[in-house]
N, C-alpha and C. Protein backbone atom coordinates (compact mmCIF):
# COMPACT_ATOMS: atom_id res chain seq x y z
N MET A 1 20.46 94.23 120.68
CA MET A 1 19.83 96.03 120.74
C MET A 1 20.78 96.29 121.83
N ALA A 2 21.94 95.72 121.99
CA ALA A 2 22.89 96.30 123.04
C ALA A 2 23.54 97.20 121.82
N ASP A 3 23.75 97.29 120.57
CA ASP A 3 24.37 98.15 119.65
C ASP A 3 23.79 99.47 119.47
N LYS A 4 22.25 98.97 119.90
CA LYS A 4 21.39 100.15 119.77
C LYS A 4 21.37 100.69 120.78
N GLN A 5 21.48 100.46 122.18
CA GLN A 5 21.61 100.89 123.21
C GLN A 5 22.91 102.46 123.55
N VAL A 6 24.06 101.82 122.87
CA VAL A 6 25.38 102.26 122.72
C VAL A 6 25.20 103.79 121.72
N GLU A 7 24.51 103.45 120.99
CA GLU A 7 24.08 104.35 120.05
C GLU A 7 23.41 105.75 120.47
N ILE A 8 22.19 105.02 121.02
CA ILE A 8 21.28 106.27 122.15
C ILE A 8 22.25 106.93 123.22
N ALA A 9 23.58 106.02 123.84
CA ALA A 9 23.38 106.80 124.93
C ALA A 9 24.86 107.85 124.20
N THR A 10 25.08 107.83 123.07
CA THR A 10 26.13 108.54 122.20
C THR A 10 25.96 109.37 121.73
N ALA A 11 24.88 109.52 121.00
CA ALA A 11 24.06 110.11 119.62
C ALA A 11 24.22 111.48 120.19
N ASN A 12 24.25 112.75 118.58
CA ASN A 12 24.00 114.00 118.86
C ASN A 12 23.04 113.45 117.97
N ALA A 13 22.43 112.72 117.75
CA ALA A 13 20.56 113.42 116.90
C ALA A 13 19.50 112.51 117.32
N PRO A 14 18.33 112.97 117.41
CA PRO A 14 16.94 112.23 117.65
C PRO A 14 17.84 110.45 117.49
N ILE A 15 17.07 110.06 118.08
CA ILE A 15 17.31 108.16 117.63
C ILE A 15 16.06 108.03 117.56
N HIS A 16 15.50 107.32 116.44
CA HIS A 16 14.37 106.58 116.22
C HIS A 16 13.49 105.48 116.56
N VAL A 17 12.92 105.18 117.45
CA VAL A 17 12.51 104.47 118.37
C VAL A 17 11.50 104.09 117.55
N THR A 18 10.56 102.51 117.72
CA THR A 18 9.52 101.47 117.99
C THR A 18 9.09 101.64 118.86
N ASP A 19 7.61 100.89 118.74
CA ASP A 19 6.85 100.53 119.97
C ASP A 19 7.31 99.22 121.02
N ALA A 20 8.92 98.89 119.98
CA ALA A 20 9.24 97.49 120.67
C ALA A 20 10.45 98.19 121.81
N ASP A 21 11.27 98.89 120.89
CA ASP A 21 11.93 99.22 121.92
C ASP A 21 12.20 100.89 123.00
N PHE A 22 10.77 101.00 122.44
CA PHE A 22 10.56 102.38 123.35
C PHE A 22 10.79 102.14 124.83
N ASP A 23 9.85 101.06 125.83
CA ASP A 23 10.31 101.30 126.81
C ASP A 23 11.33 101.14 127.39
N GLN A 24 12.32 100.48 126.32
CA GLN A 24 14.14 100.56 127.21
C GLN A 24 14.69 101.65 127.26
N ALA A 25 14.64 102.46 125.94
CA ALA A 25 15.09 103.44 126.06
C ALA A 25 14.99 104.65 126.84
N ILE A 26 13.50 104.46 127.18
CA ILE A 26 13.02 105.47 128.92
C ILE A 26 13.58 104.76 129.72
N LYS A 27 13.84 103.83 129.91
CA LYS A 27 14.03 103.36 131.12
C LYS A 27 15.79 103.03 131.36
N GLU A 28 16.74 103.43 130.62
CA GLU A 28 17.69 103.15 130.73
C GLU A 28 18.42 104.83 130.63
N HIS A 29 18.12 105.33 130.29
CA HIS A 29 18.72 106.77 130.48
C HIS A 29 17.90 108.32 131.22
N PRO A 30 18.47 108.30 132.18
CA PRO A 30 18.04 108.90 133.11
C PRO A 30 16.77 110.28 132.53
N TYR A 31 17.11 110.85 131.28
CA TYR A 31 16.47 112.17 131.19
C TYR A 31 16.52 111.87 129.80
N VAL A 32 14.86 111.36 129.01
CA VAL A 32 14.69 111.69 127.70
C VAL A 32 13.14 112.19 127.10
N ILE A 33 13.83 113.07 126.12
CA ILE A 33 12.66 113.64 125.80
C ILE A 33 12.69 112.62 124.52
N VAL A 34 10.84 112.50 124.31
CA VAL A 34 10.44 111.80 122.88
C VAL A 34 9.43 112.80 122.31
N ASP A 35 9.58 112.24 120.75
CA ASP A 35 9.43 113.25 120.17
C ASP A 35 8.05 112.28 119.28
N PHE A 36 6.80 112.67 119.11
CA PHE A 36 5.71 112.27 118.45
C PHE A 36 5.97 112.82 117.39
N TRP A 37 5.79 111.98 116.38
CA TRP A 37 5.52 112.72 114.99
C TRP A 37 5.00 111.22 113.76
N ALA A 38 4.96 112.11 112.89
CA ALA A 38 4.59 111.65 111.31
C ALA A 38 5.07 112.40 110.38
N GLU A 39 5.02 111.26 109.31
CA GLU A 39 5.75 111.97 108.21
C GLU A 39 5.02 113.31 107.33
N TRP A 40 3.49 112.94 107.41
CA TRP A 40 3.00 113.88 106.48
C TRP A 40 2.12 115.17 107.38
N CYS A 41 3.01 115.45 108.62
CA CYS A 41 2.67 116.47 109.44
C CYS A 41 3.68 117.23 109.66
N ALA A 42 2.83 118.63 108.53
CA ALA A 42 3.89 119.95 108.81
C ALA A 42 4.37 120.51 109.68
N PRO A 43 3.36 120.71 110.62
CA PRO A 43 4.38 120.97 112.40
C PRO A 43 5.23 120.40 112.91
N CYS A 44 4.99 118.75 112.36
CA CYS A 44 6.31 117.96 112.89
C CYS A 44 7.95 118.93 111.88
N ARG A 45 7.35 118.33 110.75
CA ARG A 45 8.97 118.73 109.95
C ARG A 45 8.97 120.11 110.28
N ALA A 46 8.04 121.35 110.91
CA ALA A 46 8.74 122.34 111.90
C ALA A 46 9.55 122.48 112.79
N ILE A 47 8.91 121.60 114.02
CA ILE A 47 9.80 121.35 114.78
C ILE A 47 11.32 120.51 115.15
N ALA A 48 11.10 119.64 114.10
CA ALA A 48 12.55 118.68 113.59
C ALA A 48 13.45 119.48 114.14
N PRO A 49 14.72 120.65 113.69
CA PRO A 49 15.24 121.06 113.54
C PRO A 49 15.18 121.57 114.77
N MET A 50 14.60 121.79 115.56
CA MET A 50 14.88 122.63 117.00
C MET A 50 15.08 121.12 117.65
N ILE A 51 14.45 120.41 117.59
CA ILE A 51 14.79 119.13 118.17
C ILE A 51 16.22 118.61 118.04
N ASP A 52 17.17 118.75 116.94
CA ASP A 52 18.02 118.64 116.40
C ASP A 52 19.17 118.90 116.78
N GLU A 53 19.03 120.28 116.89
CA GLU A 53 19.66 121.13 117.67
C GLU A 53 19.94 121.17 118.90
N LEU A 54 18.78 120.79 119.84
CA LEU A 54 18.64 120.71 121.26
C LEU A 54 19.80 119.07 121.41
N ALA A 55 19.44 118.59 120.56
CA ALA A 55 20.24 116.70 120.31
C ALA A 55 21.61 117.13 120.38
N LYS A 56 22.37 118.26 119.56
CA LYS A 56 23.52 118.35 119.62
C LYS A 56 24.29 119.32 120.78
N THR A 57 23.21 119.74 121.40
CA THR A 57 23.64 120.81 122.01
C THR A 57 24.07 120.16 123.21
N TYR A 58 22.96 119.70 123.92
CA TYR A 58 22.88 118.58 124.83
C TYR A 58 23.34 116.53 124.68
N ALA A 59 24.07 116.52 123.86
CA ALA A 59 24.04 114.82 123.27
C ALA A 59 25.37 114.59 124.30
N GLY A 60 24.80 113.32 125.13
CA GLY A 60 25.66 112.85 126.29
C GLY A 60 24.91 112.93 127.89
N LYS A 61 23.86 113.76 127.42
CA LYS A 61 23.13 114.23 128.76
C LYS A 61 21.66 114.14 128.79
N VAL A 62 21.56 114.37 127.58
CA VAL A 62 19.53 114.23 127.17
C VAL A 62 19.52 113.14 126.34
N THR A 63 18.24 112.57 126.23
CA THR A 63 18.65 111.47 125.10
C THR A 63 17.42 112.10 124.12
N PHE A 64 17.31 112.03 122.97
CA PHE A 64 16.22 112.80 122.64
C PHE A 64 15.89 111.25 121.31
N VAL A 65 14.44 111.19 121.71
CA VAL A 65 14.20 110.16 120.61
C VAL A 65 13.02 110.37 119.69
N LYS A 66 12.39 110.09 118.62
CA LYS A 66 11.55 110.16 117.83
C LYS A 66 11.16 108.23 117.73
N LEU A 67 9.64 108.98 117.78
CA LEU A 67 8.61 107.99 117.08
C LEU A 67 7.32 108.44 116.65
N ASN A 68 7.58 107.47 115.25
CA ASN A 68 6.39 107.73 114.17
C ASN A 68 4.82 107.24 114.61
N THR A 69 4.47 108.13 114.40
CA THR A 69 2.95 107.36 115.62
C THR A 69 2.51 106.80 113.81
N ASP A 70 2.40 106.72 112.82
CA ASP A 70 1.79 106.06 112.05
C ASP A 70 2.11 104.40 112.02
N GLU A 71 3.65 104.32 112.05
CA GLU A 71 4.34 103.16 112.38
C GLU A 71 3.92 102.37 113.35
N ASN A 72 3.87 103.20 114.75
CA ASN A 72 3.69 102.64 116.00
C ASN A 72 2.61 103.36 116.80
N PRO A 73 1.44 102.53 116.77
CA PRO A 73 0.28 103.20 117.39
C PRO A 73 0.06 102.88 118.92
N ARG A 74 0.75 101.41 119.14
CA ARG A 74 0.87 101.24 120.82
C ARG A 74 1.74 102.63 121.68
N VAL A 75 2.51 103.17 121.64
CA VAL A 75 2.86 104.13 122.33
C VAL A 75 1.89 105.32 122.50
N PRO A 76 1.92 106.04 121.43
CA PRO A 76 1.10 106.65 121.77
C PRO A 76 -0.02 106.42 122.13
N GLN A 77 -0.86 105.53 121.80
CA GLN A 77 -2.46 104.82 122.53
C GLN A 77 -1.87 105.27 124.03
N GLN A 78 -0.85 104.78 124.47
CA GLN A 78 -0.30 104.22 125.90
C GLN A 78 0.13 105.21 126.67
N PHE A 79 0.46 106.67 126.17
CA PHE A 79 -0.28 107.85 126.45
C PHE A 79 -0.57 108.55 126.34
N MET A 80 -1.89 108.42 125.65
CA MET A 80 -2.95 108.88 124.89
C MET A 80 -2.42 110.38 124.23
N VAL A 81 -1.40 110.23 123.53
CA VAL A 81 -0.99 111.38 122.23
C VAL A 81 -2.11 111.53 121.29
N MET A 82 -2.92 112.37 121.59
CA MET A 82 -4.27 113.08 120.70
C MET A 82 -3.77 113.51 119.43
N GLY A 83 -2.43 114.37 119.34
CA GLY A 83 -2.42 115.65 118.42
C GLY A 83 -0.58 115.30 118.33
N ILE A 84 -0.34 115.70 116.95
CA ILE A 84 1.09 115.41 116.82
C ILE A 84 1.25 117.14 116.17
N PRO A 85 2.70 117.53 116.59
CA PRO A 85 3.73 117.00 117.33
C PRO A 85 3.36 116.68 118.77
N THR A 86 3.62 116.46 119.31
CA THR A 86 3.55 116.15 121.14
C THR A 86 5.16 115.74 121.27
N LEU A 87 5.50 116.20 122.43
CA LEU A 87 6.98 116.20 122.88
C LEU A 87 6.46 115.49 124.27
N LEU A 88 7.32 114.39 124.67
CA LEU A 88 6.67 113.79 126.46
C LEU A 88 8.04 114.13 127.02
N PHE A 89 8.68 114.36 128.14
CA PHE A 89 9.62 114.59 129.05
C PHE A 89 9.65 113.49 129.81
N PHE A 90 10.31 112.76 129.99
CA PHE A 90 11.04 111.47 130.64
C PHE A 90 11.83 111.94 132.15
N LYS A 91 12.04 111.90 132.89
CA LYS A 91 13.43 111.61 134.20
C LYS A 91 13.14 110.45 135.22
N ASP A 92 14.02 109.45 134.64
CA ASP A 92 13.95 108.44 135.66
C ASP A 92 12.85 107.88 135.16
N GLY A 93 12.46 107.38 133.99
CA GLY A 93 11.51 106.76 133.73
C GLY A 93 10.28 106.79 133.66
N LYS A 94 9.91 108.11 134.28
CA LYS A 94 8.59 108.73 134.44
C LYS A 94 8.19 109.95 133.96
N LEU A 95 6.81 109.85 133.22
CA LEU A 95 6.67 111.32 132.22
C LEU A 95 6.54 112.40 133.55
N VAL A 96 7.12 113.24 133.45
CA VAL A 96 7.10 114.67 134.07
C VAL A 96 6.62 115.90 133.47
N ASP A 97 6.60 115.77 131.99
CA ASP A 97 5.50 116.80 131.40
C ASP A 97 5.44 116.67 129.76
N GLN A 98 4.65 117.50 129.05
CA GLN A 98 4.47 116.87 127.72
C GLN A 98 4.36 118.78 126.89
N VAL A 99 4.74 118.79 125.90
CA VAL A 99 4.28 119.61 124.79
C VAL A 99 3.51 119.42 123.77
N ILE A 100 2.26 119.99 123.78
CA ILE A 100 1.72 119.74 122.40
C ILE A 100 1.26 120.43 121.47
N GLY A 101 1.49 119.66 119.79
CA GLY A 101 1.19 120.76 118.71
C GLY A 101 2.73 122.04 118.76
N PHE A 102 2.91 122.32 117.78
CA PHE A 102 3.98 123.18 117.47
C PHE A 102 4.40 124.30 118.35
N VAL A 103 5.42 124.37 119.15
CA VAL A 103 5.92 125.29 119.61
C VAL A 103 7.26 126.53 118.81
N GLY A 104 7.10 127.51 119.44
CA GLY A 104 8.40 128.26 118.78
C GLY A 104 9.78 127.50 119.79
N LYS A 105 10.99 128.25 118.96
CA LYS A 105 12.30 127.80 119.41
C LYS A 105 12.04 128.36 121.43
N PRO A 106 12.04 129.70 121.40
CA PRO A 106 12.06 130.21 123.00
C PRO A 106 11.47 129.49 123.70
N ALA A 107 9.86 129.68 123.36
CA ALA A 107 9.04 128.40 124.55
C ALA A 107 9.45 126.62 124.62
N LEU A 108 10.30 126.46 123.45
CA LEU A 108 10.45 125.24 123.58
C LEU A 108 12.05 124.67 124.26
N ALA A 109 12.92 125.87 124.44
CA ALA A 109 14.02 125.76 125.65
C ALA A 109 13.47 126.09 126.54
N GLU A 110 12.51 127.21 126.99
CA GLU A 110 12.16 127.16 128.37
C GLU A 110 11.77 125.94 129.09
N LYS A 111 11.10 125.01 128.11
CA LYS A 111 10.21 124.00 129.08
C LYS A 111 11.54 123.12 129.29
N PHE A 112 12.25 123.01 128.19
CA PHE A 112 13.46 121.95 128.09
C PHE A 112 14.19 122.48 129.49
N LYS A 113 14.78 123.77 129.99
CA LYS A 113 15.47 124.38 130.92
C LYS A 113 14.56 124.10 131.90
N GLN A 114 13.54 123.81 132.01
CA GLN A 114 12.57 123.70 133.36
C GLN A 114 13.05 122.51 133.84
N HIS A 115 13.52 121.05 133.10
CA HIS A 115 12.78 120.09 133.04
C HIS A 115 14.57 119.39 133.30
N ALA A 116 15.56 119.97 132.44
CA ALA A 116 17.09 119.65 131.96
C ALA A 116 17.82 120.16 133.07
N ALA A 117 17.43 121.52 133.86
CA ALA A 117 18.25 122.05 134.78
C ALA A 117 19.40 121.16 135.50
N ASP A 118 18.97 120.03 136.36
CA ASP A 118 19.74 119.55 136.82
C ASP A 118 20.49 118.06 136.15
N VAL A 119 20.26 118.18 134.88
CA VAL A 119 20.74 117.10 133.87
C VAL A 119 21.94 117.95 133.68
N VAL A 120 21.61 118.97 132.68
CA VAL A 120 22.50 119.87 132.03
C VAL A 120 23.63 120.80 132.58
N ALA A 121 23.48 120.57 134.00
CA ALA A 121 24.56 121.32 135.13
C ALA A 121 25.74 120.42 135.62
N ALA A 122 25.63 119.06 135.30
CA ALA A 122 25.92 117.92 135.92
C ALA A 122 27.25 117.95 134.52
């Protein structure tokens, strides 16, 4: 698991997590955005490039993770994710916000800036 921790900390792309390692990823990183998605979900595929771009832009400051809801049902149930794509924003291990459904790049960037201002300024 230590190798995956290093991978998550230094990644410039979203890291795929599972029900088994989700909690650890949230606890070990101060700011995490989780993308709940599924292979068959067209809006999930549409938002993915925006998530990838944000991950590159904020590499080392914000950890982006992806969780496939078809393969990992526990975490979506835990956070009552009823539709995908859903983005959950965690700060210091606590859920601080969410975006449900597809949103355009300007709206996603604005939501991101609301929560990441102190992180990205550092």
